[in-house]
Amino acid sequence: MQPKPRVFVTRRIPDAGLEMLRTACDVCVWEETTPPPASVLLSNVADADGLLCLHPDTIDATVFDAARRLKVVSAYAVGYDNIDIESATPRMF
């Protein structure tokens, strides 16, 4: 059996959403109400397959460089201006 993909969630979201993720993924959640410090974000994306971020998390080239396995970045927000799409594009394909 193949291991579940690992997803890092940068803050607690409603339980219903976390439970949906947990059915298919190994989920790690930053439980604080404030954004994770850069060191925490970078260490958690290093082996993550997916990232579920919230605004105002800054997801930029530094984050993408640290993420060796990242395949999916999702925003629990309206819009995605906190995600550097220009840095993400060449790394995702």
Protein backbone atom coordinates (compact mmCIF):
# COMPACT_ATOMS: atom_id res chain seq x y z
CA MET A 1 0.00 0.00 0.00
CA GLN A 2 1.32 3.40 -0.99
CA PRO A 3 1.65 6.02 1.79
CA LYS A 4 -0.83 8.87 1.86
CA PRO A 5 0.32 12.21 0.48
CA ARG A 6 1.46 14.63 3.17
CA VAL A 7 -0.29 18.02 3.38
CA PHE A 8 0.73 20.96 5.54
CA VAL A 9 -2.08 23.34 6.57
CA THR A 10 -0.84 26.72 7.75
CA ARG A 11 -3.68 27.29 10.22
CA ARG A 12 -6.69 25.52 11.61
CA ILE A 13 -9.65 25.44 9.23
CA PRO A 14 -13.15 24.11 10.01
CA ASP A 15 -13.17 20.49 11.13
CA ALA A 16 -15.26 19.38 8.15
CA GLY A 17 -12.51 20.50 5.78
CA LEU A 18 -9.77 18.88 7.83
CA GLU A 19 -11.68 15.61 8.02
CA MET A 20 -12.07 15.55 4.22
CA LEU A 21 -8.32 16.05 3.88
CA ARG A 22 -7.55 13.41 6.48
CA THR A 23 -9.49 10.73 4.60
CA ALA A 24 -6.97 10.89 1.76
CA CYS A 25 -3.88 12.56 3.24
CA ASP A 26 -1.51 12.65 6.16
CA VAL A 27 -2.29 16.14 7.48
CA CYS A 28 -0.12 18.38 9.63
CA VAL A 29 -1.79 21.57 10.91
CA TRP A 30 -0.15 24.64 12.45
CA GLU A 31 -2.57 25.04 15.36
CA GLU A 32 -1.83 28.68 16.21
CA THR A 33 -4.09 31.54 15.11
CA THR A 34 -1.12 33.45 13.73
CA PRO A 35 0.79 32.46 10.59
CA PRO A 36 3.60 29.97 11.14
CA PRO A 37 7.07 31.49 11.37
CA ALA A 38 9.11 31.16 8.17
CA SER A 39 11.28 28.44 9.72
CA VAL A 40 8.21 26.33 10.54
CA LEU A 41 6.69 26.83 7.10
CA LEU A 42 9.93 25.93 5.34
CA SER A 43 10.57 22.82 7.45
CA ASN A 44 7.01 21.57 6.94
CA VAL A 45 6.92 22.06 3.18
CA ALA A 46 10.26 20.31 2.78
CA ASP A 47 8.57 16.90 2.69
CA ALA A 48 4.98 17.93 1.88
CA ASP A 49 3.12 16.89 -1.24
CA GLY A 50 0.51 19.59 -0.71
CA LEU A 51 0.19 22.96 0.99
CA LEU A 52 -3.06 24.53 2.13
CA CYS A 53 -2.32 28.13 3.04
CA LEU A 54 -4.29 31.07 4.30
CA HIS A 55 -3.91 34.75 3.69
CA PRO A 56 -1.47 36.41 4.67
CA ASP A 57 0.95 33.47 4.31
CA THR A 58 3.58 34.46 1.77
CA ILE A 59 4.21 31.56 -0.59
CA ASP A 60 7.15 32.64 -2.71
CA ALA A 61 10.33 31.33 -4.35
CA THR A 62 11.89 30.65 -0.93
CA VAL A 63 9.01 28.33 -0.05
CA PHE A 64 9.06 26.61 -3.44
CA ASP A 65 12.83 26.12 -3.22
CA ALA A 66 12.42 24.40 0.16
CA ALA A 67 9.63 22.13 -1.08
CA ARG A 68 11.21 19.07 -2.67
CA ARG A 69 7.96 17.15 -3.30
CA LEU A 70 5.30 19.84 -3.46
CA LYS A 71 2.68 19.13 -6.12
CA VAL A 72 -0.30 21.22 -4.98
CA VAL A 73 -0.70 24.65 -3.41
CA SER A 74 -4.19 25.62 -2.38
CA ALA A 75 -5.48 28.80 -0.77
CA TYR A 76 -8.22 28.78 1.84
CA ALA A 77 -9.20 32.30 0.86
CA VAL A 78 -10.69 34.44 -1.83
CA GLY A 79 -7.95 35.07 -4.35
CA TYR A 80 -4.34 33.99 -4.39
CA ASP A 81 -2.32 37.21 -4.32
CA ASN A 82 -0.20 35.77 -1.48
CA ILE A 83 1.07 33.01 -3.80
CA ASP A 84 3.85 33.93 -6.21
CA ILE A 85 2.43 32.31 -9.34
CA GLU A 86 5.45 33.31 -11.42
CA SER A 87 7.74 31.36 -9.05
CA ALA A 88 5.32 28.45 -8.77
CA THR A 89 4.72 27.80 -12.46
CA PRO A 90 8.09 26.43 -13.54
CA ARG A 91 8.30 24.25 -10.43
CA MET A 92 4.91 22.61 -10.84
CA PHE A 93 5.28 21.32 -14.36
